[in-house]
N, C-alpha and C. Protein backbone atom coordinates (compact mmCIF):
# COMPACT_ATOMS: atom_id res chain seq x y z
N MET A 1 0.84 -1.17 0.00
CA MET A 1 0.00 0.00 0.00
C MET A 1 0.89 1.24 0.00
N ASP A 2 0.69 2.14 -0.90
CA ASP A 2 1.50 3.34 -0.98
C ASP A 2 1.00 4.39 0.00
N GLY A 3 1.93 5.21 0.51
CA GLY A 3 1.56 6.32 1.37
C GLY A 3 0.89 7.41 0.56
N VAL A 4 0.29 8.34 1.24
CA VAL A 4 -0.30 9.50 0.58
C VAL A 4 0.55 10.70 0.94
N ARG A 5 0.58 11.70 0.09
CA ARG A 5 1.38 12.89 0.38
C ARG A 5 0.88 13.53 1.67
N GLY A 6 1.84 13.95 2.50
CA GLY A 6 1.51 14.52 3.80
C GLY A 6 0.53 15.68 3.74
N SER A 7 0.63 16.50 2.70
CA SER A 7 -0.26 17.65 2.61
C SER A 7 -1.71 17.23 2.40
N GLU A 8 -1.91 15.99 1.96
CA GLU A 8 -3.27 15.50 1.74
C GLU A 8 -3.89 14.92 3.00
N VAL A 9 -3.08 14.44 3.94
CA VAL A 9 -3.60 13.84 5.16
C VAL A 9 -3.87 14.94 6.18
N ARG A 10 -5.14 15.11 6.52
CA ARG A 10 -5.53 16.13 7.50
C ARG A 10 -5.90 15.53 8.84
N ARG A 11 -6.19 14.23 8.81
CA ARG A 11 -6.54 13.56 10.06
C ARG A 11 -6.21 12.08 9.92
N ILE A 12 -5.96 11.44 11.04
CA ILE A 12 -5.69 10.01 11.08
C ILE A 12 -6.73 9.39 12.00
N LEU A 13 -7.40 8.36 11.52
CA LEU A 13 -8.44 7.67 12.28
C LEU A 13 -7.99 6.25 12.57
N LEU A 14 -7.85 5.93 13.85
CA LEU A 14 -7.47 4.58 14.26
C LEU A 14 -8.72 3.79 14.59
N ILE A 15 -8.81 2.61 14.00
CA ILE A 15 -9.93 1.72 14.28
C ILE A 15 -9.37 0.38 14.73
N GLY A 16 -10.21 -0.41 15.36
CA GLY A 16 -9.80 -1.74 15.79
C GLY A 16 -10.61 -2.19 16.99
N PHE A 17 -10.36 -3.42 17.37
CA PHE A 17 -11.09 -4.05 18.46
C PHE A 17 -10.67 -3.45 19.80
N MET A 18 -11.45 -3.70 20.83
CA MET A 18 -11.08 -3.24 22.17
C MET A 18 -9.69 -3.76 22.51
N ALA A 19 -8.95 -2.95 23.22
CA ALA A 19 -7.60 -3.29 23.67
C ALA A 19 -6.60 -3.47 22.52
N SER A 20 -6.92 -2.91 21.36
CA SER A 20 -5.98 -2.99 20.24
C SER A 20 -4.90 -1.92 20.34
N GLY A 21 -5.09 -0.95 21.23
CA GLY A 21 -4.08 0.09 21.42
C GLY A 21 -4.43 1.41 20.76
N LYS A 22 -5.68 1.60 20.38
CA LYS A 22 -6.06 2.82 19.65
C LYS A 22 -5.70 4.10 20.43
N THR A 23 -6.00 4.11 21.71
CA THR A 23 -5.72 5.31 22.51
C THR A 23 -4.23 5.49 22.73
N THR A 24 -3.54 4.44 23.11
CA THR A 24 -2.10 4.53 23.36
C THR A 24 -1.34 4.91 22.09
N VAL A 25 -1.64 4.22 21.01
CA VAL A 25 -0.97 4.51 19.73
C VAL A 25 -1.38 5.89 19.23
N GLY A 26 -2.65 6.23 19.38
CA GLY A 26 -3.13 7.54 18.94
C GLY A 26 -2.39 8.68 19.61
N ARG A 27 -2.19 8.56 20.92
CA ARG A 27 -1.43 9.59 21.64
C ARG A 27 0.00 9.68 21.12
N ALA A 28 0.61 8.52 20.86
CA ALA A 28 1.99 8.49 20.36
C ALA A 28 2.09 9.12 18.97
N VAL A 29 1.13 8.83 18.10
CA VAL A 29 1.13 9.42 16.75
C VAL A 29 0.95 10.93 16.86
N ALA A 30 0.00 11.36 17.67
CA ALA A 30 -0.27 12.79 17.82
C ALA A 30 0.96 13.52 18.35
N GLN A 31 1.61 12.93 19.33
CA GLN A 31 2.82 13.56 19.88
C GLN A 31 3.91 13.64 18.82
N ARG A 32 4.08 12.59 18.07
CA ARG A 32 5.11 12.54 17.01
C ARG A 32 4.85 13.63 15.96
N LEU A 33 3.59 13.84 15.61
CA LEU A 33 3.24 14.80 14.55
C LEU A 33 2.99 16.22 15.06
N GLY A 34 2.84 16.36 16.38
CA GLY A 34 2.47 17.67 16.92
C GLY A 34 1.01 18.00 16.68
N TRP A 35 0.18 16.96 16.60
CA TRP A 35 -1.25 17.11 16.35
C TRP A 35 -2.02 16.88 17.64
N GLU A 36 -3.31 17.20 17.61
CA GLU A 36 -4.22 16.93 18.71
C GLU A 36 -4.62 15.45 18.67
N PHE A 37 -4.90 14.88 19.84
CA PHE A 37 -5.44 13.52 19.91
C PHE A 37 -6.80 13.57 20.59
N LEU A 38 -7.78 12.88 20.00
CA LEU A 38 -9.11 12.77 20.60
C LEU A 38 -9.62 11.34 20.47
N ASP A 39 -10.19 10.85 21.54
CA ASP A 39 -10.77 9.51 21.59
C ASP A 39 -12.30 9.67 21.53
N PHE A 40 -12.94 8.99 20.59
CA PHE A 40 -14.40 9.12 20.42
C PHE A 40 -15.14 8.89 21.74
N ASP A 41 -14.85 7.77 22.42
CA ASP A 41 -15.59 7.45 23.64
C ASP A 41 -15.35 8.49 24.74
N ALA A 42 -14.10 8.93 24.91
CA ALA A 42 -13.80 9.94 25.93
C ALA A 42 -14.50 11.26 25.60
N GLU A 43 -14.56 11.59 24.32
CA GLU A 43 -15.22 12.84 23.92
C GLU A 43 -16.74 12.74 24.13
N ILE A 44 -17.31 11.57 23.86
CA ILE A 44 -18.74 11.36 24.13
C ILE A 44 -19.00 11.53 25.62
N GLU A 45 -18.18 10.90 26.45
CA GLU A 45 -18.35 11.00 27.90
C GLU A 45 -18.24 12.44 28.38
N ARG A 46 -17.28 13.17 27.85
CA ARG A 46 -17.08 14.57 28.24
C ARG A 46 -18.30 15.42 27.87
N ARG A 47 -18.79 15.24 26.65
CA ARG A 47 -19.89 16.09 26.17
C ARG A 47 -21.24 15.70 26.78
N VAL A 48 -21.46 14.41 26.98
CA VAL A 48 -22.74 13.95 27.51
C VAL A 48 -22.76 14.05 29.04
N GLY A 49 -21.57 13.97 29.65
CA GLY A 49 -21.48 14.12 31.09
C GLY A 49 -21.68 12.84 31.86
N THR A 50 -21.52 11.71 31.19
CA THR A 50 -21.65 10.41 31.86
C THR A 50 -20.83 9.39 31.09
N SER A 51 -20.59 8.23 31.70
CA SER A 51 -19.75 7.22 31.06
C SER A 51 -20.50 6.49 29.95
N VAL A 52 -19.73 5.90 29.05
CA VAL A 52 -20.33 5.10 27.98
C VAL A 52 -21.17 3.98 28.59
N ALA A 53 -20.65 3.32 29.62
CA ALA A 53 -21.40 2.24 30.27
C ALA A 53 -22.73 2.75 30.82
N GLU A 54 -22.73 3.94 31.40
CA GLU A 54 -23.97 4.50 31.94
C GLU A 54 -24.95 4.88 30.83
N ILE A 55 -24.43 5.37 29.70
CA ILE A 55 -25.30 5.68 28.56
C ILE A 55 -26.00 4.41 28.10
N PHE A 56 -25.22 3.33 27.94
CA PHE A 56 -25.79 2.05 27.52
C PHE A 56 -26.83 1.57 28.52
N ALA A 57 -26.51 1.63 29.82
CA ALA A 57 -27.41 1.12 30.85
C ALA A 57 -28.69 1.94 30.96
N ALA A 58 -28.57 3.26 30.91
CA ALA A 58 -29.73 4.13 31.14
C ALA A 58 -30.55 4.38 29.89
N ARG A 59 -29.88 4.49 28.74
CA ARG A 59 -30.59 4.91 27.53
C ARG A 59 -30.52 3.91 26.39
N GLY A 60 -29.64 2.90 26.52
CA GLY A 60 -29.55 1.87 25.49
C GLY A 60 -28.53 2.16 24.41
N GLU A 61 -28.26 1.13 23.62
CA GLU A 61 -27.25 1.24 22.57
C GLU A 61 -27.63 2.27 21.52
N ALA A 62 -28.92 2.37 21.17
CA ALA A 62 -29.34 3.32 20.13
C ALA A 62 -28.98 4.75 20.52
N ALA A 63 -29.18 5.11 21.78
CA ALA A 63 -28.83 6.46 22.24
C ALA A 63 -27.33 6.69 22.15
N PHE A 64 -26.56 5.67 22.55
CA PHE A 64 -25.11 5.80 22.45
C PHE A 64 -24.69 5.99 21.00
N ARG A 65 -25.25 5.19 20.09
CA ARG A 65 -24.87 5.27 18.67
C ARG A 65 -25.24 6.63 18.07
N GLU A 66 -26.32 7.24 18.56
CA GLU A 66 -26.68 8.59 18.10
C GLU A 66 -25.61 9.60 18.51
N HIS A 67 -25.18 9.54 19.77
CA HIS A 67 -24.10 10.42 20.24
C HIS A 67 -22.83 10.15 19.44
N GLU A 68 -22.53 8.89 19.24
CA GLU A 68 -21.32 8.49 18.52
C GLU A 68 -21.32 9.03 17.09
N ALA A 69 -22.45 8.95 16.41
CA ALA A 69 -22.54 9.44 15.03
C ALA A 69 -22.37 10.95 14.98
N ARG A 70 -23.09 11.66 15.84
CA ARG A 70 -23.04 13.13 15.83
C ARG A 70 -21.65 13.64 16.21
N ILE A 71 -21.13 13.15 17.32
CA ILE A 71 -19.83 13.62 17.79
C ILE A 71 -18.72 13.13 16.87
N GLY A 72 -18.83 11.90 16.39
CA GLY A 72 -17.84 11.39 15.44
C GLY A 72 -17.75 12.24 14.19
N ASN A 73 -18.88 12.65 13.66
CA ASN A 73 -18.89 13.51 12.47
C ASN A 73 -18.22 14.85 12.75
N GLU A 74 -18.47 15.40 13.93
CA GLU A 74 -17.83 16.66 14.30
C GLU A 74 -16.31 16.49 14.39
N LEU A 75 -15.87 15.41 15.00
CA LEU A 75 -14.43 15.17 15.14
C LEU A 75 -13.77 14.93 13.79
N LEU A 76 -14.48 14.25 12.91
CA LEU A 76 -13.92 13.95 11.58
C LEU A 76 -13.85 15.18 10.68
N ALA A 77 -14.42 16.28 11.09
CA ALA A 77 -14.33 17.52 10.32
C ALA A 77 -13.09 18.33 10.71
N ARG A 78 -12.41 17.91 11.77
CA ARG A 78 -11.24 18.65 12.25
C ARG A 78 -10.01 18.32 11.43
N HIS A 79 -9.02 19.20 11.51
CA HIS A 79 -7.75 19.00 10.82
C HIS A 79 -6.63 18.85 11.85
N ARG A 80 -5.56 18.19 11.42
CA ARG A 80 -4.38 17.98 12.26
C ARG A 80 -4.76 17.32 13.58
N VAL A 81 -5.48 16.22 13.44
CA VAL A 81 -5.97 15.49 14.60
C VAL A 81 -5.83 13.99 14.36
N VAL A 82 -5.48 13.28 15.43
CA VAL A 82 -5.47 11.82 15.43
C VAL A 82 -6.67 11.40 16.26
N LEU A 83 -7.50 10.54 15.69
CA LEU A 83 -8.74 10.12 16.33
C LEU A 83 -8.72 8.62 16.60
N ALA A 84 -9.23 8.23 17.76
CA ALA A 84 -9.41 6.82 18.09
C ALA A 84 -10.90 6.56 18.16
N SER A 85 -11.40 5.75 17.24
CA SER A 85 -12.83 5.44 17.24
C SER A 85 -13.13 4.39 18.30
N GLY A 86 -14.41 4.25 18.62
CA GLY A 86 -14.83 3.12 19.43
C GLY A 86 -14.76 1.87 18.57
N GLY A 87 -14.67 0.70 19.19
CA GLY A 87 -14.54 -0.54 18.44
C GLY A 87 -15.69 -0.83 17.50
N GLY A 88 -16.90 -0.35 17.83
CA GLY A 88 -18.06 -0.62 16.98
C GLY A 88 -18.35 0.46 15.96
N TRP A 89 -17.63 1.58 16.02
CA TRP A 89 -17.90 2.70 15.11
C TRP A 89 -17.86 2.30 13.64
N PRO A 90 -16.87 1.52 13.18
CA PRO A 90 -16.81 1.18 11.75
C PRO A 90 -17.91 0.24 11.27
N MET A 91 -18.70 -0.29 12.18
CA MET A 91 -19.71 -1.29 11.82
C MET A 91 -20.94 -0.70 11.13
N VAL A 92 -21.15 0.58 11.25
CA VAL A 92 -22.31 1.21 10.62
C VAL A 92 -22.10 1.19 9.10
N PRO A 93 -23.04 0.62 8.35
CA PRO A 93 -22.87 0.53 6.89
C PRO A 93 -22.59 1.89 6.26
N GLY A 94 -21.59 1.91 5.40
CA GLY A 94 -21.24 3.11 4.66
C GLY A 94 -20.31 4.07 5.39
N ARG A 95 -20.11 3.85 6.67
CA ARG A 95 -19.32 4.80 7.46
C ARG A 95 -17.85 4.85 6.99
N MET A 96 -17.23 3.70 6.80
CA MET A 96 -15.83 3.68 6.36
C MET A 96 -15.70 4.22 4.94
N GLU A 97 -16.66 3.89 4.10
CA GLU A 97 -16.62 4.34 2.70
C GLU A 97 -16.81 5.85 2.60
N ALA A 98 -17.45 6.45 3.59
CA ALA A 98 -17.72 7.89 3.56
C ALA A 98 -16.51 8.74 3.98
N LEU A 99 -15.46 8.10 4.49
CA LEU A 99 -14.28 8.86 4.88
C LEU A 99 -13.66 9.50 3.65
N ASP A 100 -13.26 10.75 3.78
CA ASP A 100 -12.69 11.43 2.62
C ASP A 100 -11.21 11.08 2.45
N ALA A 101 -10.64 11.51 1.33
CA ALA A 101 -9.26 11.18 1.00
C ALA A 101 -8.27 11.81 1.98
N ALA A 102 -8.68 12.83 2.72
CA ALA A 102 -7.80 13.48 3.68
C ALA A 102 -7.73 12.73 5.00
N THR A 103 -8.51 11.66 5.13
CA THR A 103 -8.51 10.85 6.35
C THR A 103 -7.76 9.56 6.09
N LEU A 104 -6.67 9.38 6.81
CA LEU A 104 -5.94 8.11 6.76
C LEU A 104 -6.54 7.21 7.82
N SER A 105 -7.22 6.15 7.39
CA SER A 105 -7.80 5.19 8.33
C SER A 105 -6.79 4.06 8.54
N VAL A 106 -6.60 3.69 9.81
CA VAL A 106 -5.61 2.69 10.18
C VAL A 106 -6.28 1.64 11.07
N TRP A 107 -6.20 0.38 10.65
CA TRP A 107 -6.72 -0.72 11.46
C TRP A 107 -5.58 -1.29 12.30
N LEU A 108 -5.71 -1.18 13.62
CA LEU A 108 -4.76 -1.81 14.53
C LEU A 108 -5.29 -3.21 14.83
N GLN A 109 -4.66 -4.19 14.22
CA GLN A 109 -5.11 -5.58 14.32
C GLN A 109 -4.53 -6.25 15.56
N VAL A 110 -5.38 -6.95 16.29
CA VAL A 110 -4.92 -7.78 17.41
C VAL A 110 -5.62 -9.12 17.33
N ASP A 111 -4.94 -10.14 17.84
CA ASP A 111 -5.57 -11.45 17.90
C ASP A 111 -6.39 -11.55 19.19
N VAL A 112 -7.17 -12.60 19.28
CA VAL A 112 -8.08 -12.78 20.42
C VAL A 112 -7.30 -12.84 21.74
N ALA A 113 -6.22 -13.62 21.76
CA ALA A 113 -5.44 -13.77 23.00
C ALA A 113 -4.90 -12.42 23.48
N THR A 114 -4.40 -11.62 22.56
CA THR A 114 -3.86 -10.30 22.92
C THR A 114 -4.96 -9.39 23.45
N ALA A 115 -6.10 -9.38 22.78
CA ALA A 115 -7.22 -8.54 23.24
C ALA A 115 -7.64 -8.93 24.65
N LEU A 116 -7.76 -10.21 24.91
CA LEU A 116 -8.17 -10.68 26.24
C LEU A 116 -7.12 -10.35 27.30
N GLU A 117 -5.85 -10.58 26.98
CA GLU A 117 -4.78 -10.32 27.94
C GLU A 117 -4.69 -8.84 28.28
N ARG A 118 -4.75 -7.98 27.28
CA ARG A 118 -4.68 -6.54 27.53
C ARG A 118 -5.89 -6.04 28.30
N ALA A 119 -7.07 -6.52 27.94
CA ALA A 119 -8.29 -6.09 28.63
C ALA A 119 -8.23 -6.49 30.10
N ALA A 120 -7.76 -7.71 30.38
CA ALA A 120 -7.65 -8.17 31.76
C ALA A 120 -6.62 -7.33 32.52
N ARG A 121 -5.50 -7.06 31.89
CA ARG A 121 -4.44 -6.26 32.51
C ARG A 121 -4.92 -4.85 32.82
N ASP A 122 -5.75 -4.31 31.94
CA ASP A 122 -6.25 -2.94 32.11
C ASP A 122 -7.47 -2.87 33.02
N GLY A 123 -7.92 -4.02 33.53
CA GLY A 123 -9.09 -4.03 34.41
C GLY A 123 -10.40 -3.76 33.70
N ASP A 124 -10.46 -4.10 32.42
CA ASP A 124 -11.67 -3.87 31.63
C ASP A 124 -12.83 -4.66 32.21
N THR A 125 -13.98 -4.01 32.37
CA THR A 125 -15.14 -4.66 32.99
C THR A 125 -16.33 -4.75 32.04
N ARG A 126 -16.09 -4.76 30.74
CA ARG A 126 -17.20 -4.86 29.79
C ARG A 126 -17.98 -6.15 30.02
N PRO A 127 -19.30 -6.10 29.83
CA PRO A 127 -20.11 -7.30 30.00
C PRO A 127 -19.61 -8.47 29.15
N LEU A 128 -19.10 -8.17 27.97
CA LEU A 128 -18.56 -9.20 27.08
C LEU A 128 -17.50 -10.04 27.79
N LEU A 129 -16.73 -9.41 28.66
CA LEU A 129 -15.62 -10.09 29.33
C LEU A 129 -16.04 -10.75 30.64
N ARG A 130 -17.26 -10.50 31.09
CA ARG A 130 -17.72 -11.08 32.36
C ARG A 130 -18.61 -12.29 32.15
N GLY A 131 -18.87 -12.64 30.90
CA GLY A 131 -19.73 -13.78 30.60
C GLY A 131 -19.04 -15.10 30.89
N PRO A 132 -19.76 -16.21 30.67
CA PRO A 132 -19.21 -17.53 30.98
C PRO A 132 -18.05 -17.95 30.07
N ASP A 133 -17.99 -17.41 28.85
CA ASP A 133 -16.94 -17.80 27.91
C ASP A 133 -16.45 -16.57 27.14
N PRO A 134 -15.66 -15.71 27.81
CA PRO A 134 -15.23 -14.48 27.16
C PRO A 134 -14.43 -14.72 25.87
N GLU A 135 -13.64 -15.78 25.84
CA GLU A 135 -12.84 -16.04 24.64
C GLU A 135 -13.72 -16.27 23.42
N SER A 136 -14.75 -17.09 23.57
CA SER A 136 -15.66 -17.34 22.44
C SER A 136 -16.42 -16.07 22.06
N ALA A 137 -16.82 -15.29 23.05
CA ALA A 137 -17.54 -14.05 22.77
C ALA A 137 -16.66 -13.06 22.00
N VAL A 138 -15.41 -12.92 22.42
CA VAL A 138 -14.47 -12.02 21.74
C VAL A 138 -14.19 -12.53 20.34
N ARG A 139 -13.98 -13.83 20.21
CA ARG A 139 -13.69 -14.42 18.89
C ARG A 139 -14.85 -14.15 17.91
N ALA A 140 -16.09 -14.32 18.37
CA ALA A 140 -17.26 -14.11 17.50
C ALA A 140 -17.41 -12.63 17.13
N LEU A 141 -17.24 -11.74 18.10
CA LEU A 141 -17.39 -10.32 17.83
C LEU A 141 -16.28 -9.81 16.90
N LEU A 142 -15.07 -10.27 17.14
CA LEU A 142 -13.96 -9.87 16.28
C LEU A 142 -14.18 -10.36 14.85
N ALA A 143 -14.63 -11.59 14.70
CA ALA A 143 -14.90 -12.13 13.36
C ALA A 143 -15.99 -11.31 12.65
N ALA A 144 -17.00 -10.88 13.39
CA ALA A 144 -18.08 -10.09 12.79
C ALA A 144 -17.59 -8.70 12.38
N ARG A 145 -16.64 -8.16 13.12
CA ARG A 145 -16.17 -6.80 12.85
C ARG A 145 -15.05 -6.72 11.82
N GLU A 146 -14.30 -7.80 11.64
CA GLU A 146 -13.13 -7.74 10.76
C GLU A 146 -13.42 -7.25 9.34
N PRO A 147 -14.53 -7.64 8.70
CA PRO A 147 -14.78 -7.11 7.35
C PRO A 147 -14.90 -5.58 7.32
N SER A 148 -15.48 -5.00 8.36
CA SER A 148 -15.58 -3.53 8.42
C SER A 148 -14.21 -2.92 8.71
N TYR A 149 -13.47 -3.50 9.63
CA TYR A 149 -12.13 -3.00 9.94
C TYR A 149 -11.22 -3.07 8.71
N ALA A 150 -11.41 -4.11 7.91
CA ALA A 150 -10.54 -4.32 6.74
C ALA A 150 -10.70 -3.22 5.68
N ARG A 151 -11.68 -2.37 5.82
CA ARG A 151 -11.87 -1.27 4.86
C ARG A 151 -10.89 -0.12 5.10
N ALA A 152 -10.13 -0.19 6.19
CA ALA A 152 -9.13 0.84 6.47
C ALA A 152 -8.05 0.82 5.40
N ARG A 153 -7.45 1.98 5.16
CA ARG A 153 -6.39 2.07 4.15
C ARG A 153 -5.10 1.38 4.58
N LEU A 154 -4.80 1.42 5.87
CA LEU A 154 -3.56 0.84 6.37
C LEU A 154 -3.91 -0.18 7.45
N HIS A 155 -3.31 -1.37 7.35
CA HIS A 155 -3.52 -2.43 8.34
C HIS A 155 -2.18 -2.67 9.04
N LEU A 156 -2.17 -2.62 10.37
CA LEU A 156 -0.95 -2.86 11.13
C LEU A 156 -1.20 -3.89 12.21
N ASP A 157 -0.28 -4.84 12.36
CA ASP A 157 -0.38 -5.84 13.42
C ASP A 157 0.05 -5.20 14.73
N ALA A 158 -0.91 -5.01 15.62
CA ALA A 158 -0.65 -4.35 16.90
C ALA A 158 -0.53 -5.35 18.05
N SER A 159 -0.47 -6.64 17.73
CA SER A 159 -0.40 -7.65 18.79
C SER A 159 0.94 -7.63 19.52
N SER A 160 2.03 -7.39 18.78
CA SER A 160 3.34 -7.45 19.43
C SER A 160 4.17 -6.19 19.25
N ALA A 161 3.81 -5.32 18.33
CA ALA A 161 4.59 -4.09 18.10
C ALA A 161 4.36 -3.10 19.24
N THR A 162 5.36 -2.28 19.49
CA THR A 162 5.21 -1.24 20.52
C THR A 162 4.39 -0.07 19.96
N ALA A 163 3.85 0.72 20.85
CA ALA A 163 3.10 1.91 20.43
C ALA A 163 3.99 2.84 19.62
N GLU A 164 5.24 2.98 20.02
CA GLU A 164 6.17 3.86 19.29
C GLU A 164 6.45 3.33 17.90
N ASP A 165 6.64 2.01 17.77
CA ASP A 165 6.87 1.42 16.44
C ASP A 165 5.66 1.65 15.54
N LEU A 166 4.48 1.47 16.09
CA LEU A 166 3.25 1.68 15.31
C LEU A 166 3.09 3.15 14.94
N ALA A 167 3.38 4.04 15.88
CA ALA A 167 3.28 5.48 15.61
C ALA A 167 4.24 5.88 14.50
N ARG A 168 5.45 5.35 14.55
CA ARG A 168 6.45 5.65 13.52
C ARG A 168 5.97 5.17 12.16
N ALA A 169 5.41 3.95 12.11
CA ALA A 169 4.92 3.39 10.85
C ALA A 169 3.76 4.22 10.29
N ILE A 170 2.86 4.65 11.16
CA ILE A 170 1.72 5.45 10.71
C ILE A 170 2.19 6.80 10.18
N ALA A 171 3.08 7.46 10.90
CA ALA A 171 3.58 8.77 10.45
C ALA A 171 4.33 8.63 9.13
N ARG A 172 5.11 7.57 8.99
CA ARG A 172 5.85 7.35 7.74
C ARG A 172 4.89 7.10 6.59
N PHE A 173 3.87 6.29 6.81
CA PHE A 173 2.89 6.00 5.76
C PHE A 173 2.16 7.27 5.34
N ALA A 174 1.79 8.07 6.33
CA ALA A 174 1.05 9.31 6.03
C ALA A 174 1.95 10.36 5.40
N ALA A 175 3.25 10.20 5.55
CA ALA A 175 4.22 11.16 5.02
C ALA A 175 3.96 12.57 5.55
N VAL A 176 3.55 12.63 6.83
CA VAL A 176 3.31 13.91 7.48
C VAL A 176 4.57 14.26 8.26
N PRO A 177 5.21 15.38 7.93
CA PRO A 177 6.41 15.75 8.68
C PRO A 177 6.04 16.18 10.10
N PRO A 178 6.86 15.80 11.09
CA PRO A 178 6.58 16.22 12.46
C PRO A 178 6.66 17.74 12.58
N THR A 179 5.91 18.30 13.53
CA THR A 179 5.98 19.74 13.78
C THR A 179 6.63 19.96 15.13
N GLY A 180 7.16 21.16 15.32
CA GLY A 180 7.74 21.51 16.62
C GLY A 180 9.08 20.99 16.74
C-alpha cells in the first residue's frame, strides 16, 4: 500500500477491536506529529457528562450510537488530529466508505489472546468479558467486525509491536512531517 502525500492527510483515524491500542498509539502518533489527539468514547463521555457504560445502561445502545454518530462527524471535520474510534464505530454501513481522502484510516489488528490479555491487565469490565466464555464471545465479535475493519487504508499488526513502532509506521505511511 502506498503512502499518501503529507499535505493531503488532514486527520488520522485509528480503528480496531477493544484493547488494540487505539488510545495509546493515537497519543503516540499525535505527539510525534504535533497534532491533537481525541478519543471518540472519551469525547462522548465529556460532552454527555456520563460514562459510555452509563449511557448504555440508562438509555440503550441506540442512544449511544446517536451520540457516537453526531460527535464522530464533528471530530472527523477537524484538521491535524489523530482520532481513536470506538470498536463498533466502523460497523455502521457506509461509514468507512464515507471517509474522505484526507482521512488516513488505520486498522490496529490484534488477535483474540492479545485482546483478552490486555483487557484483563487494564481491568476492563465490559459485559462481554464477564460472561461464561469471554474467549468465544471475543472471537465471535472480532470475526463479525473484521470485514468492516478491513476497509481501512492501512492495516498494522498491533499484537506485538510497541506503540512507538506503530506510531512511527503510521507517520511514515502518512508522510506527514513532524511539527515543533
